[in-house]
Amino acid sequence: MGARAVTDVVRHHHSRGLGMTSSRVRDALVEELRRQGIADERVLEAIGKVPRHEFVEEALKSEAYRNRALPIGHAQTISQPYTVALMTEALLGGGSPRRILEVGTGSGYQTAVLSHLVETVFTVERIRALTETARTRLATLGYRNVHFGYADGTLGWSPYAPYDGILVTAGGSEVPAALVDQLAPTGRLVIPVGPPQAQSLRVVERRPGGGTRERDLGAVTFVPLLSGKI
C-alpha cells in the first residue's frame, strides 16, 4: 500500500477522538503552523492527519497537539510540530521526492508525517527499544510504506541508497560525509548542525555537476547525533 492509500485509513480510524485528541484540536494546530509561516499545504495536510497523541505516553496525551517538544524516554524527544513541519517542508523543497531516509526514528511521528508525502520512507534508529516500538506503532496505525532499520544513523543506510532526500532528527557537530554521499543527484539533506545550545538547521543540496550548496534556516535545539547502537 502506497503513502496516498494509507492516508484515509489513518484519518478515518483516528478522527473520532474527544478533547485533546479530536480533529478540532488538530485543525487548530495546523492553523497555528500556517500562521508561523509553513506554506506547503501538503505538509499542513499531513500534520493534520497524523494522530500525534498516539506517539506519546498516556500521561502526555493532553499535551499532544500543543506546539512543543515532549519526552519519549531514553533521553529523547518528539519534536515540536512546527519543527517537524519546517524540516519536512525544507526536505520537499516544493517537489515530490520518492525515496527518503530519516535518521533518528524516535517515536515515529516524523516518520508518519513523511509517509503521507513520499512513496517510500527508510528510517534508522540507534536505540533498539525505540525502533521496535515505532515499528509496532506505525504498523498498528496502518502505515505500510516505511522500512525500519536498527543502525548507526551517522553512517546512513547504504544498501538502499541513493535517496532523494535525507532528514536527520538529531544535531551533529558537522554534516556527516556518509549522508551526503548517499544523496541522489539534486537530492537534499536537512540536518541540525552545531554544538548544543547553538545549533542551526541546514539544508545541503547536492548539485548535478558535483559539490553541494548549503543554506541556513535558523536556530533549533535537538538531542545530539550519536554514533553506535544501544
C-alpha atoms as a PDB file:
ATOM      1  CA  MET A   1       0.000   0.000   0.000  1.00  0.00           C
ATOM      2  CA  GLY A   2       1.430   3.380  -1.017  1.00  0.00           C
ATOM      3  CA  ALA A   3       1.527   6.555   1.008  1.00  0.00           C
ATOM      4  CA  ARG A   4      -1.611   8.001  -0.548  1.00  0.00           C
ATOM      5  CA  ALA A   5      -3.611   4.822   0.066  1.00  0.00           C
ATOM      6  CA  VAL A   6      -2.681   4.808   3.750  1.00  0.00           C
ATOM      7  CA  THR A   7      -3.808   8.384   4.346  1.00  0.00           C
ATOM      8  CA  ASP A   8      -7.550   7.871   4.540  1.00  0.00           C
ATOM      9  CA  VAL A   9      -7.256   4.708   6.636  1.00  0.00           C
ATOM     10  CA  VAL A  10      -5.353   6.512   9.363  1.00  0.00           C
ATOM     11  CA  ARG A  11      -7.536   9.591   9.279  1.00  0.00           C
ATOM     12  CA  HIS A  12     -10.762   7.627   9.476  1.00  0.00           C
ATOM     13  CA  HIS A  13      -9.614   5.494  12.383  1.00  0.00           C
ATOM     14  CA  HIS A  14      -8.424   8.420  14.498  1.00  0.00           C
ATOM     15  CA  SER A  15     -10.844  11.222  13.707  1.00  0.00           C
ATOM     16  CA  ARG A  16     -13.412  10.311  16.346  1.00  0.00           C
ATOM     17  CA  GLY A  17     -11.407  11.210  19.453  1.00  0.00           C
ATOM     18  CA  LEU A  18     -12.533  13.714  22.035  1.00  0.00           C
ATOM     19  CA  GLY A  19     -10.793  16.552  23.842  1.00  0.00           C
ATOM     20  CA  MET A  20      -7.109  16.917  23.039  1.00  0.00           C
ATOM     21  CA  THR A  21      -7.207  14.052  20.529  1.00  0.00           C
ATOM     22  CA  SER A  22     -10.062  15.394  18.405  1.00  0.00           C
ATOM     23  CA  SER A  23      -9.878  16.639  14.832  1.00  0.00           C
ATOM     24  CA  ARG A  24     -10.747  20.117  16.127  1.00  0.00           C
ATOM     25  CA  VAL A  25      -7.502  20.470  18.080  1.00  0.00           C
ATOM     26  CA  ARG A  26      -5.548  19.071  15.150  1.00  0.00           C
ATOM     27  CA  ASP A  27      -7.100  21.678  12.891  1.00  0.00           C
ATOM     28  CA  ALA A  28      -6.161  24.381  15.390  1.00  0.00           C
ATOM     29  CA  LEU A  29      -2.560  23.173  15.362  1.00  0.00           C
ATOM     30  CA  VAL A  30      -2.478  23.279  11.566  1.00  0.00           C
ATOM     31  CA  GLU A  31      -3.750  26.863  11.596  1.00  0.00           C
ATOM     32  CA  GLU A  32      -1.078  27.818  14.126  1.00  0.00           C
ATOM     33  CA  LEU A  33       1.625  26.336  11.883  1.00  0.00           C
ATOM     34  CA  ARG A  34       0.205  28.210   8.906  1.00  0.00           C
ATOM     35  CA  ARG A  35       0.404  31.471  10.855  1.00  0.00           C
ATOM     36  CA  GLN A  36       4.009  30.660  11.751  1.00  0.00           C
ATOM     37  CA  GLY A  37       4.927  30.531   8.082  1.00  0.00           C
ATOM     38  CA  ILE A  38       4.522  26.918   6.953  1.00  0.00           C
ATOM     39  CA  ALA A  39       3.259  27.386   3.414  1.00  0.00           C
ATOM     40  CA  ASP A  40       3.297  23.928   1.791  1.00  0.00           C
ATOM     41  CA  GLU A  41      -0.304  22.776   2.058  1.00  0.00           C
ATOM     42  CA  ARG A  42       0.773  19.155   1.574  1.00  0.00           C
ATOM     43  CA  VAL A  43       2.804  19.364   4.771  1.00  0.00           C
ATOM     44  CA  LEU A  44      -0.013  21.021   6.691  1.00  0.00           C
ATOM     45  CA  GLU A  45      -2.440  18.369   5.498  1.00  0.00           C
ATOM     46  CA  ALA A  46      -0.092  15.582   6.622  1.00  0.00           C
ATOM     47  CA  ILE A  47       0.350  17.176  10.053  1.00  0.00           C
ATOM     48  CA  GLY A  48      -3.435  17.322  10.360  1.00  0.00           C
ATOM     49  CA  LYS A  49      -3.796  13.636   9.513  1.00  0.00           C
ATOM     50  CA  VAL A  50      -1.208  12.132  11.838  1.00  0.00           C
ATOM     51  CA  PRO A  51      -2.617  11.324  15.317  1.00  0.00           C
ATOM     52  CA  ARG A  52       0.215  12.789  17.412  1.00  0.00           C
ATOM     53  CA  HIS A  53      -1.452  11.611  20.624  1.00  0.00           C
ATOM     54  CA  GLU A  54      -0.652   8.039  19.568  1.00  0.00           C
ATOM     55  CA  PHE A  55       3.078   8.837  19.684  1.00  0.00           C
ATOM     56  CA  VAL A  56       3.340   9.975  23.322  1.00  0.00           C
ATOM     57  CA  GLU A  57       2.778   8.353  26.686  1.00  0.00           C
ATOM     58  CA  GLU A  58      -0.725   8.272  28.154  1.00  0.00           C
ATOM     59  CA  ALA A  59       0.118  10.961  30.719  1.00  0.00           C
ATOM     60  CA  LEU A  60       1.127  13.375  27.934  1.00  0.00           C
ATOM     61  CA  LYS A  61      -1.776  12.839  25.528  1.00  0.00           C
ATOM     62  CA  SER A  62      -3.455  16.061  26.662  1.00  0.00           C
ATOM     63  CA  GLU A  63      -0.312  17.911  25.516  1.00  0.00           C
ATOM     64  CA  ALA A  64      -0.034  16.140  22.168  1.00  0.00           C
ATOM     65  CA  TYR A  65      -1.381  18.947  19.969  1.00  0.00           C
ATOM     66  CA  ARG A  66       0.427  21.773  21.683  1.00  0.00           C
ATOM     67  CA  ASN A  67       3.266  23.187  19.622  1.00  0.00           C
ATOM     68  CA  ARG A  68       6.045  21.878  21.847  1.00  0.00           C
ATOM     69  CA  ALA A  69       8.529  19.039  22.119  1.00  0.00           C
ATOM     70  CA  LEU A  70       7.675  16.207  24.530  1.00  0.00           C
ATOM     71  CA  PRO A  71       9.799  13.481  26.146  1.00  0.00           C
ATOM     72  CA  ILE A  72       9.547   9.937  24.805  1.00  0.00           C
ATOM     73  CA  GLY A  73      12.047   8.242  27.128  1.00  0.00           C
ATOM     74  CA  HIS A  74      15.681   7.220  26.581  1.00  0.00           C
ATOM     75  CA  ALA A  75      16.662  10.921  26.835  1.00  0.00           C
ATOM     76  CA  GLN A  76      14.906  11.547  23.508  1.00  0.00           C
ATOM     77  CA  THR A  77      12.009  13.795  22.468  1.00  0.00           C
ATOM     78  CA  ILE A  78       9.246  14.048  19.912  1.00  0.00           C
ATOM     79  CA  SER A  79       9.961  17.321  18.122  1.00  0.00           C
ATOM     80  CA  GLN A  80       7.536  20.212  18.279  1.00  0.00           C
ATOM     81  CA  PRO A  81       5.102  20.180  15.341  1.00  0.00           C
ATOM     82  CA  TYR A  82       6.491  23.448  13.929  1.00  0.00           C
ATOM     83  CA  THR A  83       9.970  21.946  13.690  1.00  0.00           C
ATOM     84  CA  VAL A  84       8.608  18.778  12.071  1.00  0.00           C
ATOM     85  CA  ALA A  85       6.685  20.877   9.548  1.00  0.00           C
ATOM     86  CA  LEU A  86       9.638  23.175   8.833  1.00  0.00           C
ATOM     87  CA  MET A  87      12.047  20.284   8.244  1.00  0.00           C
ATOM     88  CA  THR A  88       9.541  18.419   6.108  1.00  0.00           C
ATOM     89  CA  GLU A  89       8.820  21.497   4.012  1.00  0.00           C
ATOM     90  CA  ALA A  90      12.557  22.070   3.509  1.00  0.00           C
ATOM     91  CA  LEU A  91      13.046  18.445   2.520  1.00  0.00           C
ATOM     92  CA  LEU A  92      10.306  18.564  -0.101  1.00  0.00           C
ATOM     93  CA  GLY A  93      11.541  21.875  -1.470  1.00  0.00           C
ATOM     94  CA  GLY A  94       8.347  22.267  -3.447  1.00  0.00           C
ATOM     95  CA  GLY A  95       9.000  18.987  -5.254  1.00  0.00           C
ATOM     96  CA  SER A  96       7.885  15.387  -4.832  1.00  0.00           C
ATOM     97  CA  PRO A  97      10.783  13.182  -3.708  1.00  0.00           C
ATOM     98  CA  ARG A  98      10.044   9.461  -3.877  1.00  0.00           C
ATOM     99  CA  ARG A  99      12.617   7.875  -1.549  1.00  0.00           C
ATOM    100  CA  ILE A 100      13.502   9.463   1.790  1.00  0.00           C
ATOM    101  CA  LEU A 101      15.882   8.378   4.536  1.00  0.00           C
ATOM    102  CA  GLU A 102      15.101   9.524   8.066  1.00  0.00           C
ATOM    103  CA  VAL A 103      17.978   9.348  10.556  1.00  0.00           C
ATOM    104  CA  GLY A 104      16.558   9.017  14.072  1.00  0.00           C
ATOM    105  CA  THR A 105      13.188   7.248  14.093  1.00  0.00           C
ATOM    106  CA  GLY A 106      12.441   8.202  17.686  1.00  0.00           C
ATOM    107  CA  SER A 107       8.717   7.921  18.374  1.00  0.00           C
ATOM    108  CA  GLY A 108       7.932   7.509  14.672  1.00  0.00           C
ATOM    109  CA  TYR A 109       5.947  10.764  14.450  1.00  0.00           C
ATOM    110  CA  GLN A 110       8.158  12.448  11.860  1.00  0.00           C
ATOM    111  CA  THR A 111       8.244   9.109  10.035  1.00  0.00           C
ATOM    112  CA  ALA A 112       4.461   9.065   9.845  1.00  0.00           C
ATOM    113  CA  VAL A 113       4.296  12.621   8.525  1.00  0.00           C
ATOM    114  CA  LEU A 114       6.811  11.765   5.805  1.00  0.00           C
ATOM    115  CA  SER A 115       4.953   8.609   4.856  1.00  0.00           C
ATOM    116  CA  HIS A 116       1.937  10.662   3.777  1.00  0.00           C
ATOM    117  CA  LEU A 117       4.122  12.680   1.424  1.00  0.00           C
ATOM    118  CA  VAL A 118       6.549  10.300  -0.277  1.00  0.00           C
ATOM    119  CA  GLU A 119       6.423   6.894  -1.886  1.00  0.00           C
ATOM    120  CA  THR A 120       8.852   5.151   0.480  1.00  0.00           C
ATOM    121  CA  VAL A 121      10.403   6.106   3.818  1.00  0.00           C
ATOM    122  CA  PHE A 122      13.525   4.391   5.103  1.00  0.00           C
ATOM    123  CA  THR A 123      14.175   5.170   8.768  1.00  0.00           C
ATOM    124  CA  VAL A 124      17.052   4.184  11.041  1.00  0.00           C
ATOM    125  CA  GLU A 125      17.381   4.384  14.817  1.00  0.00           C
ATOM    126  CA  ARG A 126      20.334   3.554  17.102  1.00  0.00           C
ATOM    127  CA  ILE A 127      18.183   2.768  20.167  1.00  0.00           C
ATOM    128  CA  ARG A 128      16.680  -0.687  19.766  1.00  0.00           C
ATOM    129  CA  ALA A 129      13.736  -0.102  22.112  1.00  0.00           C
ATOM    130  CA  LEU A 130      12.634   2.986  20.173  1.00  0.00           C
ATOM    131  CA  THR A 131      12.796   1.373  16.742  1.00  0.00           C
ATOM    132  CA  GLU A 132      10.840  -1.671  17.915  1.00  0.00           C
ATOM    133  CA  THR A 133       8.139   0.484  19.496  1.00  0.00           C
ATOM    134  CA  ALA A 134       7.901   2.724  16.431  1.00  0.00           C
ATOM    135  CA  ARG A 135       7.681  -0.264  14.096  1.00  0.00           C
ATOM    136  CA  THR A 136       4.779  -1.719  16.078  1.00  0.00           C
ATOM    137  CA  ARG A 137       3.054   1.649  16.438  1.00  0.00           C
ATOM    138  CA  LEU A 138       3.125   2.517  12.728  1.00  0.00           C
ATOM    139  CA  ALA A 139       2.034  -0.964  11.712  1.00  0.00           C
ATOM    140  CA  THR A 140      -0.927  -0.693  14.091  1.00  0.00           C
ATOM    141  CA  LEU A 141      -1.838   2.695  12.609  1.00  0.00           C
ATOM    142  CA  GLY A 142      -1.819   1.239   9.098  1.00  0.00           C
ATOM    143  CA  TYR A 143       1.396   2.605   7.601  1.00  0.00           C
ATOM    144  CA  ARG A 144       2.835   0.248   5.002  1.00  0.00           C
ATOM    145  CA  ASN A 145       5.390   2.321   3.098  1.00  0.00           C
ATOM    146  CA  VAL A 146       8.025   2.529   5.850  1.00  0.00           C
ATOM    147  CA  HIS A 147      11.168   0.375   6.186  1.00  0.00           C
ATOM    148  CA  PHE A 148      12.802   0.298   9.644  1.00  0.00           C
ATOM    149  CA  GLY A 149      16.465  -0.235  10.415  1.00  0.00           C
ATOM    150  CA  TYR A 150      18.319  -0.622  13.707  1.00  0.00           C
ATOM    151  CA  ALA A 151      21.598   1.034  12.796  1.00  0.00           C
ATOM    152  CA  ASP A 152      24.123   3.805  13.377  1.00  0.00           C
ATOM    153  CA  GLY A 153      22.436   6.715  11.635  1.00  0.00           C
ATOM    154  CA  THR A 154      25.655   8.695  11.183  1.00  0.00           C
ATOM    155  CA  LEU A 155      26.513   6.082   8.536  1.00  0.00           C
ATOM    156  CA  GLY A 156      23.173   6.402   6.769  1.00  0.00           C
ATOM    157  CA  TRP A 157      21.682   3.224   5.299  1.00  0.00           C
ATOM    158  CA  SER A 158      23.802   2.437   2.267  1.00  0.00           C
ATOM    159  CA  PRO A 159      22.025  -0.711   0.986  1.00  0.00           C
ATOM    160  CA  TYR A 160      19.029   1.394  -0.066  1.00  0.00           C
ATOM    161  CA  ALA A 161      20.885   4.488  -1.295  1.00  0.00           C
ATOM    162  CA  PRO A 162      20.699   6.770  -3.169  1.00  0.00           C
ATOM    163  CA  TYR A 163      17.925   8.830  -1.581  1.00  0.00           C
ATOM    164  CA  ASP A 164      16.065  11.817  -2.981  1.00  0.00           C
ATOM    165  CA  GLY A 165      16.232  13.340   0.486  1.00  0.00           C
ATOM    166  CA  ILE A 166      17.627  12.668   3.946  1.00  0.00           C
ATOM    167  CA  LEU A 167      16.192  14.161   7.128  1.00  0.00           C
ATOM    168  CA  VAL A 168      18.156  13.979  10.389  1.00  0.00           C
ATOM    169  CA  THR A 169      16.316  14.392  13.690  1.00  0.00           C
ATOM    170  CA  ALA A 170      19.390  14.928  15.893  1.00  0.00           C
ATOM    171  CA  GLY A 171      22.093  17.580  15.928  1.00  0.00           C
ATOM    172  CA  GLY A 172      25.598  16.800  14.708  1.00  0.00           C
ATOM    173  CA  SER A 173      28.775  18.788  15.169  1.00  0.00           C
ATOM    174  CA  GLU A 174      29.199  18.621  11.388  1.00  0.00           C
ATOM    175  CA  VAL A 175      27.438  17.245   8.336  1.00  0.00           C
ATOM    176  CA  PRO A 176      28.287  13.518   8.068  1.00  0.00           C
ATOM    177  CA  ALA A 177      30.014  12.839   4.744  1.00  0.00           C
ATOM    178  CA  ALA A 178      28.321   9.426   4.520  1.00  0.00           C
ATOM    179  CA  LEU A 179      24.911  11.081   4.355  1.00  0.00           C
ATOM    180  CA  VAL A 180      25.911  13.480   1.592  1.00  0.00           C
ATOM    181  CA  ASP A 181      27.379  10.552  -0.361  1.00  0.00           C
ATOM    182  CA  GLN A 182      24.047   8.694  -0.163  1.00  0.00           C
ATOM    183  CA  LEU A 183      22.082  11.543  -1.739  1.00  0.00           C
ATOM    184  CA  ALA A 184      20.924  11.211  -5.325  1.00  0.00           C
ATOM    185  CA  PRO A 185      21.990  13.962  -7.748  1.00  0.00           C
ATOM    186  CA  THR A 186      19.901  17.059  -6.839  1.00  0.00           C
ATOM    187  CA  GLY A 187      18.974  15.353  -3.531  1.00  0.00           C
ATOM    188  CA  ARG A 188      18.827  17.361  -0.336  1.00  0.00           C
ATOM    189  CA  LEU A 189      19.812  16.770   3.269  1.00  0.00           C
ATOM    190  CA  VAL A 190      18.086  18.556   6.166  1.00  0.00           C
ATOM    191  CA  ILE A 191      20.087  18.410   9.384  1.00  0.00           C
ATOM    192  CA  PRO A 192      20.649  20.375  12.608  1.00  0.00           C
ATOM    193  CA  VAL A 193      24.351  21.271  12.902  1.00  0.00           C
ATOM    194  CA  GLY A 194      26.400  22.804  15.696  1.00  0.00           C
ATOM    195  CA  PRO A 195      27.171  22.444  19.394  1.00  0.00           C
ATOM    196  CA  PRO A 196      24.360  22.105  21.953  1.00  0.00           C
ATOM    197  CA  GLN A 197      22.546  25.415  22.517  1.00  0.00           C
ATOM    198  CA  ALA A 198      23.975  26.790  19.255  1.00  0.00           C
ATOM    199  CA  GLN A 199      22.530  24.540  16.565  1.00  0.00           C
ATOM    200  CA  SER A 200      21.190  25.747  13.248  1.00  0.00           C
ATOM    201  CA  LEU A 201      19.033  23.904  10.744  1.00  0.00           C
ATOM    202  CA  ARG A 202      20.920  23.373   7.484  1.00  0.00           C
ATOM    203  CA  VAL A 203      19.735  22.338   4.052  1.00  0.00           C
ATOM    204  CA  VAL A 204      22.511  20.747   1.987  1.00  0.00           C
ATOM    205  CA  GLU A 205      21.687  20.297  -1.698  1.00  0.00           C
ATOM    206  CA  ARG A 206      23.735  18.052  -3.944  1.00  0.00           C
ATOM    207  CA  ARG A 207      24.475  19.650  -7.308  1.00  0.00           C
ATOM    208  CA  PRO A 208      24.220  17.612 -10.551  1.00  0.00           C
ATOM    209  CA  GLY A 209      27.704  18.691 -11.670  1.00  0.00           C
ATOM    210  CA  GLY A 210      29.313  17.861  -8.315  1.00  0.00           C
ATOM    211  CA  GLY A 211      29.647  19.632  -5.000  1.00  0.00           C
ATOM    212  CA  THR A 212      26.939  20.916  -2.698  1.00  0.00           C
ATOM    213  CA  ARG A 213      25.092  24.102  -1.848  1.00  0.00           C
ATOM    214  CA  GLU A 214      24.151  24.873   1.745  1.00  0.00           C
ATOM    215  CA  ARG A 215      21.720  27.265   3.408  1.00  0.00           C
ATOM    216  CA  ASP A 216      20.745  28.014   6.990  1.00  0.00           C
ATOM    217  CA  LEU A 217      17.099  28.006   8.161  1.00  0.00           C
ATOM    218  CA  GLY A 218      17.767  29.367  11.641  1.00  0.00           C
ATOM    219  CA  ALA A 219      18.335  28.240  15.209  1.00  0.00           C
ATOM    220  CA  VAL A 220      16.995  24.926  16.510  1.00  0.00           C
ATOM    221  CA  THR A 221      17.551  22.656  19.510  1.00  0.00           C
ATOM    222  CA  PHE A 222      17.888  18.892  19.095  1.00  0.00           C
ATOM    223  CA  VAL A 223      19.291  15.988  21.053  1.00  0.00           C
ATOM    224  CA  PRO A 224      22.841  15.117  19.919  1.00  0.00           C
ATOM    225  CA  LEU A 225      23.528  12.925  16.881  1.00  0.00           C
ATOM    226  CA  LEU A 226      25.499   9.994  18.283  1.00  0.00           C
ATOM    227  CA  SER A 227      27.264   7.072  16.636  1.00  0.00           C
ATOM    228  CA  GLY A 228      26.960   3.421  17.610  1.00  0.00           C
ATOM    229  CA  LYS A 229      23.921   1.394  18.693  1.00  0.00           C
ATOM    230  CA  ILE A 230      22.377   0.697  22.102  1.00  0.00           C
END
